[in-house]
C-alpha cells in the first residue's frame, strides 16, 4: 500500500508522533492505521493513541426513561444547522419515545410514528429539509432507578452526548453525578468482568512488546505487565475509575458510600467512530466546476 502524505498526517494527528516515525510505522504495518498506532506505542513514540473515537458527524442523541427502562438513540444529519432545527429535534424526540417499546434498531425503523414508520418519517424529513439523515444507533438499559444526563443539550433530553445510568438505591443527585462522570471520562465497561476479552488481550500484547523493548528478563517483564494491566483495567472500567466529583474515591466506592449500587450504563456520542472524508478547497472548487 502506498504511504501518502495524507496518511502520515492522519497518524501524526492521532498520536503526536514525529513525521519520520509516523511514516516508518505505516511502512512497517503496510498502511494499517490501527496497527501503526500500536507499533508507535510499542516503540514509545506515540504521545496519545486517540485512534478513531473523534466525532465526525452531526445530529443528536436523545435519552428518555419510562419507569425502570431507559433508551438512547442517535440520529445523524449532515450539518449542525439541522441539529438545531425544531422539526428535526421533534422527530428525534418522537423516535426516542418509540424506542421504549422495541428491542433493536430494525424494530425501531419499523415502529409506528403517527401513521408512518420511523424509516418513512426519516425519508419524508430528508425530502423536506434537504439533508441526508440516518437512524444510526439505539441502546437500552433497565434497573431499579435509571437516571439520564445530556451534555451540550440542544433541547430537553437531547444533545451531543447522552448517558443513562442504572442503579439500585441512591438518589437522582448521585445518578446525575455518575452520569456526568461517564460523559466526561467515557469508560469502556462497568467492571473488569464486562470488558471485551479481545481488547484486554490486545493491550496486554502491546504492553509486553513495550516491556521487551527495555531488554529486561522475562520474569521481570511478567511482573511489570501484571501491574500495568491492573492500571489499564482500573482506568478503563467505571467502578474502578477515580470519581471526578471526589478523586479520593472510586466511582464504585462513592456509590457504596451513598448506599447505592451501579448496575449498568449507556453512553452515546454523536458521530462517534464515523470518519468523514475532507477535501481541500481546491478540490472542492474543481468538483463544483465539473458540475
Protein backbone atom coordinates (compact mmCIF):
# COMPACT_ATOMS: atom_id res chain seq x y z
CA UNK A 1 0.00 0.00 0.00
CA UNK A 2 1.29 3.46 -0.91
CA UNK A 3 2.11 5.57 2.15
CA UNK A 4 0.74 9.00 1.25
CA UNK A 5 1.45 12.31 2.95
CA UNK A 6 -2.22 12.47 3.97
CA UNK A 7 -1.94 9.09 5.70
CA UNK A 8 1.21 10.20 7.54
CA UNK A 9 -0.53 13.42 8.64
CA UNK A 10 -3.55 11.50 9.92
CA UNK A 11 -1.30 9.24 12.01
CA UNK A 12 0.66 12.23 13.35
CA UNK A 13 -2.57 13.99 14.31
CA UNK A 14 -3.81 10.86 16.09
CA UNK A 15 -0.65 10.08 18.03
CA UNK A 16 1.53 13.19 18.25
CA UNK A 17 4.42 11.20 16.75
CA UNK A 18 7.08 12.79 14.54
CA UNK A 19 6.77 12.72 10.74
CA UNK A 20 9.54 10.16 10.12
CA UNK A 21 8.32 7.93 12.96
CA UNK A 22 4.78 8.04 11.60
CA UNK A 23 5.98 7.20 8.10
CA UNK A 24 8.08 4.29 9.37
CA UNK A 25 5.17 2.95 11.43
CA UNK A 26 2.90 2.98 8.38
CA UNK A 27 5.58 1.35 6.26
CA UNK A 28 6.13 -1.40 8.84
CA UNK A 29 2.38 -2.10 9.03
CA UNK A 30 1.58 -1.75 5.31
CA UNK A 31 -0.57 1.32 5.87
CA UNK A 32 -2.83 -0.20 8.55
CA UNK A 33 -3.68 2.81 10.73
CA UNK A 34 -4.57 0.96 13.95
CA UNK A 35 -1.58 -1.38 13.62
CA UNK A 36 0.65 1.67 13.06
CA UNK A 37 -0.67 3.30 16.25
CA UNK A 38 0.09 0.08 18.16
CA UNK A 39 3.59 -0.04 16.60
CA UNK A 40 4.27 3.52 17.74
CA UNK A 41 3.04 2.71 21.23
CA UNK A 42 5.31 -0.32 21.36
CA UNK A 43 8.30 1.83 20.45
CA UNK A 44 7.29 4.51 22.95
CA UNK A 45 6.76 7.03 20.16
CA UNK A 46 3.03 7.69 20.45
CA UNK A 47 2.18 10.61 22.70
CA UNK A 48 -1.55 9.84 22.58
CA UNK A 49 -3.41 6.97 20.92
CA UNK A 50 -6.58 8.82 20.02
CA UNK A 51 -7.50 6.31 17.31
CA UNK A 52 -10.88 6.69 15.70
CA UNK A 53 -13.13 7.91 18.53
CA UNK A 54 -13.38 11.51 17.39
CA UNK A 55 -16.75 12.98 16.47
CA UNK A 56 -17.02 13.40 12.70
CA UNK A 57 -20.77 13.66 12.00
CA UNK A 58 -23.61 15.87 13.17
CA UNK A 59 -27.02 15.18 14.67
CA UNK A 60 -28.42 14.45 18.11
CA UNK A 61 -28.54 11.80 20.81
CA UNK A 62 -31.84 11.67 22.69
CA UNK A 63 -32.48 9.90 26.00
CA UNK A 64 -35.79 9.02 27.61
CA UNK A 65 -36.85 7.00 30.66
CA UNK A 66 -40.13 5.29 31.48
CA UNK A 67 -40.25 3.56 34.86
CA UNK A 68 -37.24 1.30 35.15
CA UNK A 69 -36.30 1.40 31.46
CA UNK A 70 -34.20 3.98 29.66
CA UNK A 71 -33.28 4.28 25.98
CA UNK A 72 -30.83 6.38 23.99
CA UNK A 73 -30.97 6.90 20.24
CA UNK A 74 -28.60 8.61 17.81
CA UNK A 75 -29.97 10.28 14.69
CA UNK A 76 -27.39 11.80 12.35
CA UNK A 77 -27.64 14.67 9.90
CA UNK A 78 -25.05 16.30 7.65
CA UNK A 79 -24.77 19.65 9.45
CA UNK A 80 -25.08 21.08 12.93
CA UNK A 81 -27.56 23.57 11.48
CA UNK A 82 -30.09 20.75 11.03
CA UNK A 83 -29.44 19.50 14.57
CA UNK A 84 -30.67 22.91 15.78
CA UNK A 85 -33.80 22.70 13.63
CA UNK A 86 -37.01 22.41 15.70
CA UNK A 87 -38.59 19.94 13.25
CA UNK A 88 -35.54 17.67 13.40
CA UNK A 89 -35.50 17.84 17.20
CA UNK A 90 -39.19 16.98 17.39
CA UNK A 91 -38.65 13.95 15.14
CA UNK A 92 -35.68 12.74 17.21
CA UNK A 93 -37.73 13.10 20.39
CA UNK A 94 -40.58 11.04 18.95
CA UNK A 95 -38.17 8.36 17.70
CA UNK A 96 -36.69 8.10 21.20
CA UNK A 97 -40.19 7.66 22.62
CA UNK A 98 -40.90 4.87 20.14
CA UNK A 99 -37.63 3.18 21.12
CA UNK A 100 -39.04 2.45 24.59
CA UNK A 101 -41.27 -0.21 23.04
CA UNK A 102 -38.76 -2.06 20.84
CA UNK A 103 -35.61 -4.11 21.38
CA UNK A 104 -33.33 -3.25 18.45
CA UNK A 105 -32.65 -0.80 15.63
CA UNK A 106 -34.52 -2.83 12.96
CA UNK A 107 -37.66 -2.92 15.08
CA UNK A 108 -37.30 0.80 15.72
CA UNK A 109 -37.09 1.57 11.99
CA UNK A 110 -40.33 -0.37 11.53
CA UNK A 111 -42.08 1.16 14.57
CA UNK A 112 -45.16 3.35 14.10
CA UNK A 113 -44.67 7.09 14.41
CA UNK A 114 -48.07 8.69 13.92
CA UNK A 115 -49.23 6.58 10.97
CA UNK A 116 -45.86 6.13 9.31
CA UNK A 117 -42.86 4.01 10.23
CA UNK A 118 -39.76 5.63 11.64
CA UNK A 119 -37.95 4.82 8.38
CA UNK A 120 -40.68 6.50 6.32
CA UNK A 121 -40.68 9.52 8.63
CA UNK A 122 -36.93 9.91 8.12
CA UNK A 123 -37.35 9.67 4.33
CA UNK A 124 -40.01 12.40 4.39
CA UNK A 125 -37.83 14.64 6.55
CA UNK A 126 -34.86 14.16 4.20
CA UNK A 127 -37.02 15.27 1.28
CA UNK A 128 -38.29 18.30 3.18
CA UNK A 129 -35.08 19.55 4.82
CA UNK A 130 -32.72 18.51 2.01
CA UNK A 131 -30.07 16.73 4.04
CA UNK A 132 -29.31 13.07 4.42
CA UNK A 133 -30.33 11.67 7.83
CA UNK A 134 -29.83 8.28 9.41
CA UNK A 135 -31.07 6.48 12.49
CA UNK A 136 -27.68 5.11 13.47
CA UNK A 137 -27.90 3.51 16.91
CA UNK A 138 -30.08 2.76 19.88
CA UNK A 139 -29.25 1.33 23.28
CA UNK A 140 -31.43 0.50 26.26
CA UNK A 141 -30.95 -0.26 29.93
CA UNK A 142 -33.14 -1.39 32.81
CA UNK A 143 -32.78 -1.01 36.56
CA UNK A 144 -34.47 -0.12 39.81
CA UNK A 145 -33.59 3.51 39.14
CA UNK A 146 -32.49 4.91 35.76
CA UNK A 147 -31.03 8.42 35.59
CA UNK A 148 -30.25 10.45 32.46
CA UNK A 149 -27.77 13.16 31.59
CA UNK A 150 -27.30 15.08 28.33
CA UNK A 151 -24.14 17.02 27.57
CA UNK A 152 -24.25 20.04 25.26
CA UNK A 153 -28.04 19.93 25.28
CA UNK A 154 -29.75 21.31 22.19
CA UNK A 155 -33.23 20.77 23.65
CA UNK A 156 -34.79 18.88 26.54
CA UNK A 157 -33.44 15.32 26.65
CA UNK A 158 -31.16 15.61 23.62
CA UNK A 159 -27.68 16.83 22.79
CA UNK A 160 -24.22 15.74 21.68
CA UNK A 161 -23.71 13.09 24.39
CA UNK A 162 -26.47 11.11 26.09
CA UNK A 163 -25.93 8.97 29.19
CA UNK A 164 -28.13 6.52 31.08
CA UNK A 165 -27.17 5.11 34.49
CA UNK A 166 -28.98 2.19 36.16
CA UNK A 167 -28.71 1.88 39.95
CA UNK A 168 -30.03 0.05 42.97
CA UNK A 169 -30.57 2.53 45.77
CA UNK A 170 -29.08 6.01 45.73
CA UNK A 171 -30.85 9.13 44.55
CA UNK A 172 -31.20 11.36 41.50
CA UNK A 173 -28.30 13.59 42.56
CA UNK A 174 -25.85 10.69 42.78
CA UNK A 175 -27.06 9.25 39.49
CA UNK A 176 -26.58 12.61 37.78
CA UNK A 177 -23.03 12.93 39.11
CA UNK A 178 -22.15 9.42 37.90
CA UNK A 179 -23.73 10.14 34.52
CA UNK A 180 -21.67 13.34 34.19
CA UNK A 181 -18.55 11.34 35.06
CA UNK A 182 -19.41 8.83 32.30
CA UNK A 183 -19.96 11.63 29.79
CA UNK A 184 -16.56 13.14 30.60
CA UNK A 185 -14.40 10.02 31.06
CA UNK A 186 -16.08 7.55 28.67
CA UNK A 187 -15.35 4.24 30.46
CA UNK A 188 -15.04 1.14 28.30
CA UNK A 189 -17.11 -1.09 30.62
CA UNK A 190 -18.81 -1.24 34.01
CA UNK A 191 -16.26 -3.60 35.59
CA UNK A 192 -13.41 -5.92 34.66
CA UNK A 193 -15.87 -8.78 34.15
CA UNK A 194 -17.69 -6.71 31.49
CA UNK A 195 -14.60 -5.82 29.44
CA UNK A 196 -14.13 -7.21 25.93
CA UNK A 197 -11.51 -10.00 26.29
CA UNK A 198 -10.09 -9.12 22.86
CA UNK A 199 -9.43 -5.53 23.99
CA UNK A 200 -7.74 -6.72 27.17
CA UNK A 201 -5.58 -9.23 25.29
CA UNK A 202 -4.57 -6.65 22.69
CA UNK A 203 -3.49 -4.21 25.39
CA UNK A 204 -1.56 -6.97 27.16
CA UNK A 205 0.35 -7.80 23.98
CA UNK A 206 1.17 -4.14 23.42
CA UNK A 207 2.43 -3.78 26.98
CA UNK A 208 4.53 -6.95 26.61
CA UNK A 209 6.11 -5.61 23.42
CA UNK A 210 6.84 -2.29 25.15
CA UNK A 211 8.40 -4.09 28.12
CA UNK A 212 10.55 -6.32 25.89
CA UNK A 213 11.93 -3.25 24.15
CA UNK A 214 13.54 -2.42 27.51
CA UNK A 215 15.58 -5.62 27.36
CA UNK A 216 14.55 -6.77 30.84
CA UNK A 217 14.35 -10.50 31.73
CA UNK A 218 11.04 -12.30 31.11
CA UNK A 219 10.47 -12.82 34.87
CA UNK A 220 10.69 -9.07 35.42
CA UNK A 221 8.51 -8.40 32.40
CA UNK A 222 5.73 -10.62 33.79
CA UNK A 223 5.57 -8.57 36.99
CA UNK A 224 5.66 -5.32 35.01
CA UNK A 225 2.76 -6.49 32.85
CA UNK A 226 0.68 -7.51 35.85
CA UNK A 227 0.93 -4.02 37.32
CA UNK A 228 0.32 -2.28 34.00
CA UNK A 229 -2.76 -4.38 33.25
CA UNK A 230 -4.23 -3.68 36.68
CA UNK A 231 -3.79 0.02 35.96
CA UNK A 232 -5.32 -0.37 32.48
CA UNK A 233 -8.40 -2.12 33.87
CA UNK A 234 -8.77 0.42 36.67
CA UNK A 235 -8.61 3.32 34.21
CA UNK A 236 -10.99 1.65 31.73
CA UNK A 237 -13.82 0.45 33.99
CA UNK A 238 -16.40 2.74 35.56
CA UNK A 239 -16.48 1.23 39.04
CA UNK A 240 -12.68 1.38 39.39
CA UNK A 241 -12.16 4.88 37.99
CA UNK A 242 -11.39 7.83 40.24
CA UNK A 243 -14.66 9.72 40.67
CA UNK A 244 -14.40 13.15 39.04
CA UNK A 245 -16.55 14.61 41.82
CA UNK A 246 -14.24 13.20 44.53
CA UNK A 247 -10.94 11.77 43.19
CA UNK A 248 -10.18 10.29 46.63
CA UNK A 249 -12.82 7.64 45.92
CA UNK A 250 -13.51 5.30 43.04
CA UNK A 251 -16.93 5.55 41.43
CA UNK A 252 -17.87 2.19 42.97
CA UNK A 253 -16.75 3.26 46.45
CA UNK A 254 -18.61 6.58 46.17
CA UNK A 255 -21.79 4.76 45.19
CA UNK A 256 -21.42 2.28 48.08
CA UNK A 257 -20.86 5.16 50.49
CA UNK A 258 -24.16 6.64 49.31
CA UNK A 259 -25.95 3.29 49.79
CA UNK A 260 -26.17 2.61 46.05
CA UNK A 261 -25.00 0.02 43.54
CA UNK A 262 -24.42 0.95 39.90
CA UNK A 263 -25.69 -1.92 37.74
CA UNK A 264 -25.13 -0.58 34.23
CA UNK A 265 -24.73 2.40 31.95
CA UNK A 266 -25.13 3.56 28.36
CA UNK A 267 -23.17 6.35 26.68
CA UNK A 268 -23.80 7.51 23.11
CA UNK A 269 -21.93 10.38 21.47
CA UNK A 270 -22.96 11.94 18.18
CA UNK A 271 -20.78 10.78 15.31
CA UNK A 272 -18.57 8.59 17.48
CA UNK A 273 -16.33 6.46 15.27
CA UNK A 274 -17.57 7.95 11.97
CA UNK A 275 -14.83 9.22 9.70
CA UNK A 276 -15.79 11.93 7.22
CA UNK A 277 -13.53 12.45 4.24
CA UNK A 278 -12.48 16.06 3.79
CA UNK A 279 -11.36 17.66 0.56
CA UNK A 280 -9.10 20.65 0.31
CA UNK A 281 -10.56 23.89 -1.02
CA UNK A 282 -9.00 23.49 -4.48
CA UNK A 283 -10.55 20.03 -4.84
CA UNK A 284 -13.95 21.37 -3.82
CA UNK A 285 -13.73 24.17 -6.41
CA UNK A 286 -12.63 21.73 -9.10
CA UNK A 287 -15.52 19.39 -8.33
CA UNK A 288 -18.00 22.32 -8.42
CA UNK A 289 -16.62 23.46 -11.79
CA UNK A 290 -17.20 19.99 -13.24
CA UNK A 291 -20.83 20.24 -12.20
